[in-house]
Amino acid sequence: MDEHALNLAKRPYDLRHAGISFWLASGVDPAECARRAGQSIQVLFRYCAKFLAGTRDRANQLIEDSMNRWEESPSSGEAG
């Protein structure tokens, strides 16, 4: 097999990885990305760890934003 054929065979896997990485960077749940990619979440964590670290930061921000909104909203149990 020549080198050119090897490079062509590698290309679909590069594109697949880029697509999965794009899903993760877009905020798609890692479990859903793994399901759509047809792989286990453990494999996703192993090969896409740098993108998952970014999703952790995003998740923390979403949680913090939600907590801030909850603290600012009037309690439904207060008498008025």
PDB file of N, CA and C in Angstrom:
ATOM      1  N   MET A   1       0.857  -1.189   0.000  1.00  0.00           N
ATOM      2  CA  MET A   1       0.000   0.000   0.000  1.00  0.00           C
ATOM      3  C   MET A   1       0.894   1.240   0.000  1.00  0.00           C
ATOM      4  N   ASP A   2       0.603   2.168  -0.838  1.00  0.00           N
ATOM      5  CA  ASP A   2       1.445   3.362  -0.893  1.00  0.00           C
ATOM      6  C   ASP A   2       1.000   4.411   0.130  1.00  0.00           C
ATOM      7  N   GLU A   3       1.864   5.357   0.365  1.00  0.00           N
ATOM      8  CA  GLU A   3       1.617   6.399   1.368  1.00  0.00           C
ATOM      9  C   GLU A   3       0.384   7.232   1.039  1.00  0.00           C
ATOM     10  N   HIS A   4       0.155   7.499  -0.213  1.00  0.00           N
ATOM     11  CA  HIS A   4      -1.010   8.283  -0.628  1.00  0.00           C
ATOM     12  C   HIS A   4      -2.302   7.590  -0.214  1.00  0.00           C
ATOM     13  N   ALA A   5      -2.380   6.294  -0.397  1.00  0.00           N
ATOM     14  CA  ALA A   5      -3.578   5.539  -0.003  1.00  0.00           C
ATOM     15  C   ALA A   5      -3.775   5.595   1.505  1.00  0.00           C
ATOM     16  N   LEU A   6      -2.705   5.542   2.256  1.00  0.00           N
ATOM     17  CA  LEU A   6      -2.817   5.624   3.724  1.00  0.00           C
ATOM     18  C   LEU A   6      -3.367   6.980   4.152  1.00  0.00           C
ATOM     19  N   ASN A   7      -2.908   8.045   3.510  1.00  0.00           N
ATOM     20  CA  ASN A   7      -3.396   9.386   3.847  1.00  0.00           C
ATOM     21  C   ASN A   7      -4.879   9.538   3.517  1.00  0.00           C
ATOM     22  N   LEU A   8      -5.317   8.965   2.411  1.00  0.00           N
ATOM     23  CA  LEU A   8      -6.734   9.039   2.052  1.00  0.00           C
ATOM     24  C   LEU A   8      -7.590   8.259   3.055  1.00  0.00           C
ATOM     25  N   ALA A   9      -7.096   7.138   3.521  1.00  0.00           N
ATOM     26  CA  ALA A   9      -7.845   6.336   4.491  1.00  0.00           C
ATOM     27  C   ALA A   9      -7.930   7.059   5.828  1.00  0.00           C
ATOM     28  N   LYS A  10      -6.928   7.832   6.160  1.00  0.00           N
ATOM     29  CA  LYS A  10      -6.905   8.551   7.439  1.00  0.00           C
ATOM     30  C   LYS A  10      -7.889   9.717   7.440  1.00  0.00           C
ATOM     31  N   ARG A  11      -8.149  10.323   6.315  1.00  0.00           N
ATOM     32  CA  ARG A  11      -8.964  11.531   6.219  1.00  0.00           C
ATOM     33  C   ARG A  11     -10.372  11.398   6.819  1.00  0.00           C
ATOM     34  N   PRO A  12     -11.127  10.324   6.532  1.00  0.00           N
ATOM     35  CA  PRO A  12     -12.464  10.218   7.130  1.00  0.00           C
ATOM     36  C   PRO A  12     -12.432  10.202   8.659  1.00  0.00           C
ATOM     37  N   TYR A  13     -11.397   9.593   9.237  1.00  0.00           N
ATOM     38  CA  TYR A  13     -11.304   9.567  10.692  1.00  0.00           C
ATOM     39  C   TYR A  13     -10.990  10.954  11.246  1.00  0.00           C
ATOM     40  N   ASP A  14     -10.183  11.727  10.535  1.00  0.00           N
ATOM     41  CA  ASP A  14      -9.915  13.111  10.945  1.00  0.00           C
ATOM     42  C   ASP A  14     -11.207  13.923  10.925  1.00  0.00           C
ATOM     43  N   LEU A  15     -11.986  13.751   9.859  1.00  0.00           N
ATOM     44  CA  LEU A  15     -13.248  14.486   9.741  1.00  0.00           C
ATOM     45  C   LEU A  15     -14.237  14.052  10.813  1.00  0.00           C
ATOM     46  N   ARG A  16     -14.279  12.772  11.103  1.00  0.00           N
ATOM     47  CA  ARG A  16     -15.178  12.251  12.138  1.00  0.00           C
ATOM     48  C   ARG A  16     -14.824  12.864  13.494  1.00  0.00           C
ATOM     49  N   HIS A  17     -13.524  12.851  13.810  1.00  0.00           N
ATOM     50  CA  HIS A  17     -13.070  13.424  15.080  1.00  0.00           C
ATOM     51  C   HIS A  17     -13.395  14.916  15.144  1.00  0.00           C
ATOM     52  N   ALA A  18     -13.205  15.615  14.034  1.00  0.00           N
ATOM     53  CA  ALA A  18     -13.521  17.044  13.995  1.00  0.00           C
ATOM     54  C   ALA A  18     -15.010  17.274  14.221  1.00  0.00           C
ATOM     55  N   GLY A  19     -15.839  16.430  13.631  1.00  0.00           N
ATOM     56  CA  GLY A  19     -17.287  16.563  13.818  1.00  0.00           C
ATOM     57  C   GLY A  19     -17.698  16.347  15.260  1.00  0.00           C
ATOM     58  N   ILE A  20     -17.161  15.313  15.879  1.00  0.00           N
ATOM     59  CA  ILE A  20     -17.481  15.026  17.281  1.00  0.00           C
ATOM     60  C   ILE A  20     -16.977  16.155  18.175  1.00  0.00           C
ATOM     61  N   SER A  21     -15.784  16.639  17.894  1.00  0.00           N
ATOM     62  CA  SER A  21     -15.232  17.752  18.670  1.00  0.00           C
ATOM     63  C   SER A  21     -16.099  18.994  18.524  1.00  0.00           C
ATOM     64  N   PHE A  22     -16.615  19.222  17.314  1.00  0.00           N
ATOM     65  CA  PHE A  22     -17.503  20.367  17.082  1.00  0.00           C
ATOM     66  C   PHE A  22     -18.777  20.224  17.901  1.00  0.00           C
ATOM     67  N   TRP A  23     -19.351  19.023  17.948  1.00  0.00           N
ATOM     68  CA  TRP A  23     -20.555  18.805  18.767  1.00  0.00           C
ATOM     69  C   TRP A  23     -20.272  19.155  20.225  1.00  0.00           C
ATOM     70  N   LEU A  24     -19.145  18.655  20.738  1.00  0.00           N
ATOM     71  CA  LEU A  24     -18.798  18.918  22.136  1.00  0.00           C
ATOM     72  C   LEU A  24     -18.600  20.404  22.390  1.00  0.00           C
ATOM     73  N   ALA A  25     -17.870  21.064  21.497  1.00  0.00           N
ATOM     74  CA  ALA A  25     -17.624  22.498  21.645  1.00  0.00           C
ATOM     75  C   ALA A  25     -18.913  23.304  21.545  1.00  0.00           C
ATOM     76  N   SER A  26     -19.909  22.747  20.851  1.00  0.00           N
ATOM     77  CA  SER A  26     -21.202  23.422  20.715  1.00  0.00           C
ATOM     78  C   SER A  26     -22.091  23.245  21.939  1.00  0.00           C
ATOM     79  N   GLY A  27     -21.645  22.412  22.871  1.00  0.00           N
ATOM     80  CA  GLY A  27     -22.406  22.218  24.097  1.00  0.00           C
ATOM     81  C   GLY A  27     -23.295  20.982  24.111  1.00  0.00           C
ATOM     82  N   VAL A  28     -23.174  20.118  23.097  1.00  0.00           N
ATOM     83  CA  VAL A  28     -23.956  18.887  23.093  1.00  0.00           C
ATOM     84  C   VAL A  28     -23.454  17.992  24.224  1.00  0.00           C
ATOM     85  N   ASP A  29     -24.385  17.369  24.934  1.00  0.00           N
ATOM     86  CA  ASP A  29     -24.048  16.490  26.044  1.00  0.00           C
ATOM     87  C   ASP A  29     -23.085  15.392  25.576  1.00  0.00           C
ATOM     88  N   PRO A  30     -22.001  15.141  26.315  1.00  0.00           N
ATOM     89  CA  PRO A  30     -21.038  14.117  25.904  1.00  0.00           C
ATOM     90  C   PRO A  30     -21.662  12.733  25.706  1.00  0.00           C
ATOM     91  N   ALA A  31     -22.629  12.362  26.518  1.00  0.00           N
ATOM     92  CA  ALA A  31     -23.273  11.062  26.342  1.00  0.00           C
ATOM     93  C   ALA A  31     -24.006  10.990  25.004  1.00  0.00           C
ATOM     94  N   GLU A  32     -24.626  12.093  24.592  1.00  0.00           N
ATOM     95  CA  GLU A  32     -25.309  12.131  23.298  1.00  0.00           C
ATOM     96  C   GLU A  32     -24.307  12.095  22.154  1.00  0.00           C
ATOM     97  N   CYS A  33     -23.182  12.786  22.304  1.00  0.00           N
ATOM     98  CA  CYS A  33     -22.131  12.735  21.283  1.00  0.00           C
ATOM     99  C   CYS A  33     -21.628  11.307  21.113  1.00  0.00           C
ATOM    100  N   ALA A  34     -21.396  10.617  22.225  1.00  0.00           N
ATOM    101  CA  ALA A  34     -20.916   9.235  22.156  1.00  0.00           C
ATOM    102  C   ALA A  34     -21.944   8.348  21.471  1.00  0.00           C
ATOM    103  N   ARG A  35     -23.209   8.521  21.802  1.00  0.00           N
ATOM    104  CA  ARG A  35     -24.263   7.718  21.198  1.00  0.00           C
ATOM    105  C   ARG A  35     -24.308   7.933  19.685  1.00  0.00           C
ATOM    106  N   ARG A  36     -24.274   9.191  19.277  1.00  0.00           N
ATOM    107  CA  ARG A  36     -24.337   9.502  17.847  1.00  0.00           C
ATOM    108  C   ARG A  36     -23.101   9.021  17.099  1.00  0.00           C
ATOM    109  N   ALA A  37     -21.963   9.018  17.772  1.00  0.00           N
ATOM    110  CA  ALA A  37     -20.718   8.568  17.148  1.00  0.00           C
ATOM    111  C   ALA A  37     -20.605   7.044  17.145  1.00  0.00           C
ATOM    112  N   GLY A  38     -21.494   6.377  17.878  1.00  0.00           N
ATOM    113  CA  GLY A  38     -21.443   4.927  17.935  1.00  0.00           C
ATOM    114  C   GLY A  38     -20.285   4.396  18.752  1.00  0.00           C
ATOM    115  N   GLN A  39     -19.946   5.115  19.803  1.00  0.00           N
ATOM    116  CA  GLN A  39     -18.851   4.678  20.664  1.00  0.00           C
ATOM    117  C   GLN A  39     -19.243   4.863  22.118  1.00  0.00           C
ATOM    118  N   SER A  40     -18.462   4.274  22.991  1.00  0.00           N
ATOM    119  CA  SER A  40     -18.753   4.402  24.414  1.00  0.00           C
ATOM    120  C   SER A  40     -18.341   5.787  24.896  1.00  0.00           C
ATOM    121  N   ILE A  41     -18.918   6.183  25.995  1.00  0.00           N
ATOM    122  CA  ILE A  41     -18.552   7.488  26.555  1.00  0.00           C
ATOM    123  C   ILE A  41     -17.112   7.459  27.074  1.00  0.00           C
ATOM    124  N   GLN A  42     -16.630   6.283  27.484  1.00  0.00           N
ATOM    125  CA  GLN A  42     -15.242   6.158  27.926  1.00  0.00           C
ATOM    126  C   GLN A  42     -14.281   6.476  26.782  1.00  0.00           C
ATOM    127  N   VAL A  43     -14.591   5.990  25.575  1.00  0.00           N
ATOM    128  CA  VAL A  43     -13.752   6.288  24.407  1.00  0.00           C
ATOM    129  C   VAL A  43     -13.807   7.785  24.110  1.00  0.00           C
ATOM    130  N   LEU A  44     -14.982   8.351  24.201  1.00  0.00           N
ATOM    131  CA  LEU A  44     -15.124   9.788  23.968  1.00  0.00           C
ATOM    132  C   LEU A  44     -14.263  10.568  24.961  1.00  0.00           C
ATOM    133  N   PHE A  45     -14.312  10.194  26.229  1.00  0.00           N
ATOM    134  CA  PHE A  45     -13.519  10.888  27.241  1.00  0.00           C
ATOM    135  C   PHE A  45     -12.028  10.736  26.965  1.00  0.00           C
ATOM    136  N   ARG A  46     -11.609   9.570  26.487  1.00  0.00           N
ATOM    137  CA  ARG A  46     -10.190   9.324  26.245  1.00  0.00           C
ATOM    138  C   ARG A  46      -9.664  10.177  25.095  1.00  0.00           C
ATOM    139  N   TYR A  47     -10.436  10.285  24.015  1.00  0.00           N
ATOM    140  CA  TYR A  47      -9.930  10.951  22.818  1.00  0.00           C
ATOM    141  C   TYR A  47     -10.343  12.410  22.681  1.00  0.00           C
ATOM    142  N   CYS A  48     -11.296  12.843  23.439  1.00  0.00           N
ATOM    143  CA  CYS A  48     -11.770  14.228  23.314  1.00  0.00           C
ATOM    144  C   CYS A  48     -11.669  14.977  24.635  1.00  0.00           C
ATOM    145  N   ALA A  49     -10.735  14.609  25.476  1.00  0.00           N
ATOM    146  CA  ALA A  49     -10.628  15.175  26.819  1.00  0.00           C
ATOM    147  C   ALA A  49     -10.483  16.690  26.813  1.00  0.00           C
ATOM    148  N   LYS A  50      -9.738  17.256  25.865  1.00  0.00           N
ATOM    149  CA  LYS A  50      -9.541  18.706  25.885  1.00  0.00           C
ATOM    150  C   LYS A  50     -10.849  19.445  25.624  1.00  0.00           C
ATOM    151  N   PHE A  51     -11.725  18.869  24.811  1.00  0.00           N
ATOM    152  CA  PHE A  51     -13.020  19.492  24.571  1.00  0.00           C
ATOM    153  C   PHE A  51     -13.944  19.298  25.768  1.00  0.00           C
ATOM    154  N   LEU A  52     -13.805  18.173  26.437  1.00  0.00           N
ATOM    155  CA  LEU A  52     -14.647  17.922  27.604  1.00  0.00           C
ATOM    156  C   LEU A  52     -14.284  18.860  28.750  1.00  0.00           C
ATOM    157  N   ALA A  53     -13.027  19.248  28.853  1.00  0.00           N
ATOM    158  CA  ALA A  53     -12.634  20.221  29.878  1.00  0.00           C
ATOM    159  C   ALA A  53     -13.352  21.538  29.629  1.00  0.00           C
ATOM    160  N   GLY A  54     -13.496  21.922  28.364  1.00  0.00           N
ATOM    161  CA  GLY A  54     -14.228  23.140  28.026  1.00  0.00           C
ATOM    162  C   GLY A  54     -15.692  23.026  28.350  1.00  0.00           C
ATOM    163  N   THR A  55     -16.264  21.839  28.176  1.00  0.00           N
ATOM    164  CA  THR A  55     -17.675  21.667  28.506  1.00  0.00           C
ATOM    165  C   THR A  55     -17.880  21.725  30.010  1.00  0.00           C
ATOM    166  N   ARG A  56     -16.884  21.330  30.780  1.00  0.00           N
ATOM    167  CA  ARG A  56     -16.978  21.422  32.235  1.00  0.00           C
ATOM    168  C   ARG A  56     -17.075  22.883  32.660  1.00  0.00           C
ATOM    169  N   ASP A  57     -16.234  23.726  32.063  1.00  0.00           N
ATOM    170  CA  ASP A  57     -16.283  25.158  32.364  1.00  0.00           C
ATOM    171  C   ASP A  57     -17.645  25.746  31.973  1.00  0.00           C
ATOM    172  N   ARG A  58     -18.144  25.337  30.815  1.00  0.00           N
ATOM    173  CA  ARG A  58     -19.457  25.817  30.349  1.00  0.00           C
ATOM    174  C   ARG A  58     -20.564  25.350  31.286  1.00  0.00           C
ATOM    175  N   ALA A  59     -20.492  24.098  31.718  1.00  0.00           N
ATOM    176  CA  ALA A  59     -21.495  23.571  32.645  1.00  0.00           C
ATOM    177  C   ALA A  59     -21.468  24.333  33.965  1.00  0.00           C
ATOM    178  N   ASN A  60     -20.283  24.613  34.462  1.00  0.00           N
ATOM    179  CA  ASN A  60     -20.172  25.379  35.706  1.00  0.00           C
ATOM    180  C   ASN A  60     -20.796  26.761  35.557  1.00  0.00           C
ATOM    181  N   GLN A  61     -20.577  27.395  34.407  1.00  0.00           N
ATOM    182  CA  GLN A  61     -21.147  28.714  34.170  1.00  0.00           C
ATOM    183  C   GLN A  61     -22.666  28.644  34.097  1.00  0.00           C
ATOM    184  N   LEU A  62     -23.202  27.628  33.432  1.00  0.00           N
ATOM    185  CA  LEU A  62     -24.658  27.459  33.354  1.00  0.00           C
ATOM    186  C   LEU A  62     -25.265  27.256  34.740  1.00  0.00           C
ATOM    187  N   ILE A  63     -24.608  26.454  35.557  1.00  0.00           N
ATOM    188  CA  ILE A  63     -25.095  26.212  36.918  1.00  0.00           C
ATOM    189  C   ILE A  63     -25.064  27.501  37.732  1.00  0.00           C
ATOM    190  N   GLU A  64     -23.955  28.235  37.632  1.00  0.00           N
ATOM    191  CA  GLU A  64     -23.843  29.489  38.374  1.00  0.00           C
ATOM    192  C   GLU A  64     -24.902  30.498  37.927  1.00  0.00           C
ATOM    193  N   ASP A  65     -25.109  30.612  36.618  1.00  0.00           N
ATOM    194  CA  ASP A  65     -26.134  31.522  36.101  1.00  0.00           C
ATOM    195  C   ASP A  65     -27.516  31.138  36.604  1.00  0.00           C
ATOM    196  N   SER A  66     -27.804  29.860  36.607  1.00  0.00           N
ATOM    197  CA  SER A  66     -29.102  29.388  37.072  1.00  0.00           C
ATOM    198  C   SER A  66     -29.289  29.671  38.560  1.00  0.00           C
ATOM    199  N   MET A  67     -28.254  29.455  39.337  1.00  0.00           N
ATOM    200  CA  MET A  67     -28.338  29.733  40.771  1.00  0.00           C
ATOM    201  C   MET A  67     -28.564  31.219  41.021  1.00  0.00           C
ATOM    202  N   ASN A  68     -27.896  32.062  40.248  1.00  0.00           N
ATOM    203  CA  ASN A  68     -28.081  33.508  40.401  1.00  0.00           C
ATOM    204  C   ASN A  68     -29.517  33.917  40.069  1.00  0.00           C
ATOM    205  N   ARG A  69     -30.070  33.351  39.002  1.00  0.00           N
ATOM    206  CA  ARG A  69     -31.472  33.652  38.651  1.00  0.00           C
ATOM    207  C   ARG A  69     -32.415  33.161  39.749  1.00  0.00           C
ATOM    208  N   TRP A  70     -32.143  32.010  40.295  1.00  0.00           N
ATOM    209  CA  TRP A  70     -32.988  31.444  41.352  1.00  0.00           C
ATOM    210  C   TRP A  70     -32.947  32.336  42.594  1.00  0.00           C
ATOM    211  N   GLU A  71     -31.765  32.846  42.959  1.00  0.00           N
ATOM    212  CA  GLU A  71     -31.627  33.716  44.115  1.00  0.00           C
ATOM    213  C   GLU A  71     -32.319  35.061  43.893  1.00  0.00           C
ATOM    214  N   GLU A  72     -32.360  35.523  42.643  1.00  0.00           N
ATOM    215  CA  GLU A  72     -32.974  36.817  42.332  1.00  0.00           C
ATOM    216  C   GLU A  72     -34.492  36.741  42.205  1.00  0.00           C
ATOM    217  N   SER A  73     -35.025  35.568  41.915  1.00  0.00           N
ATOM    218  CA  SER A  73     -36.469  35.444  41.678  1.00  0.00           C
ATOM    219  C   SER A  73     -37.203  35.420  43.019  1.00  0.00           C
ATOM    220  N   PRO A  74     -38.424  35.988  43.040  1.00  0.00           N
ATOM    221  CA  PRO A  74     -39.212  35.950  44.270  1.00  0.00           C
ATOM    222  C   PRO A  74     -39.620  34.516  44.579  1.00  0.00           C
ATOM    223  N   SER A  75     -39.581  34.173  45.832  1.00  0.00           N
ATOM    224  CA  SER A  75     -39.942  32.809  46.249  1.00  0.00           C
ATOM    225  C   SER A  75     -41.426  32.602  46.096  1.00  0.00           C
ATOM    226  N   SER A  76     -41.821  31.438  45.585  1.00  0.00           N
ATOM    227  CA  SER A  76     -43.244  31.156  45.387  1.00  0.00           C
ATOM    228  C   SER A  76     -43.962  30.923  46.721  1.00  0.00           C
ATOM    229  N   GLY A  77     -43.191  30.702  47.779  1.00  0.00           N
ATOM    230  CA  GLY A  77     -43.814  30.440  49.074  1.00  0.00           C
ATOM    231  C   GLY A  77     -43.999  31.685  49.942  1.00  0.00           C
ATOM    232  N   GLU A  78     -43.578  32.850  49.476  1.00  0.00           N
ATOM    233  CA  GLU A  78     -43.698  34.060  50.277  1.00  0.00           C
ATOM    234  C   GLU A  78     -45.127  34.594  50.249  1.00  0.00           C
ATOM    235  N   ALA A  79     -45.582  35.076  51.387  1.00  0.00           N
ATOM    236  CA  ALA A  79     -46.905  35.736  51.460  1.00  0.00           C
ATOM    237  C   ALA A  79     -46.721  37.190  51.040  1.00  0.00           C
ATOM    238  N   GLY A  80     -47.651  37.702  50.283  1.00  0.00           N
ATOM    239  CA  GLY A  80     -47.456  39.053  49.799  1.00  0.00           C
ATOM    240  C   GLY A  80     -48.521  39.972  50.113  1.00  0.00           C
TER     241      GLY A  80
END
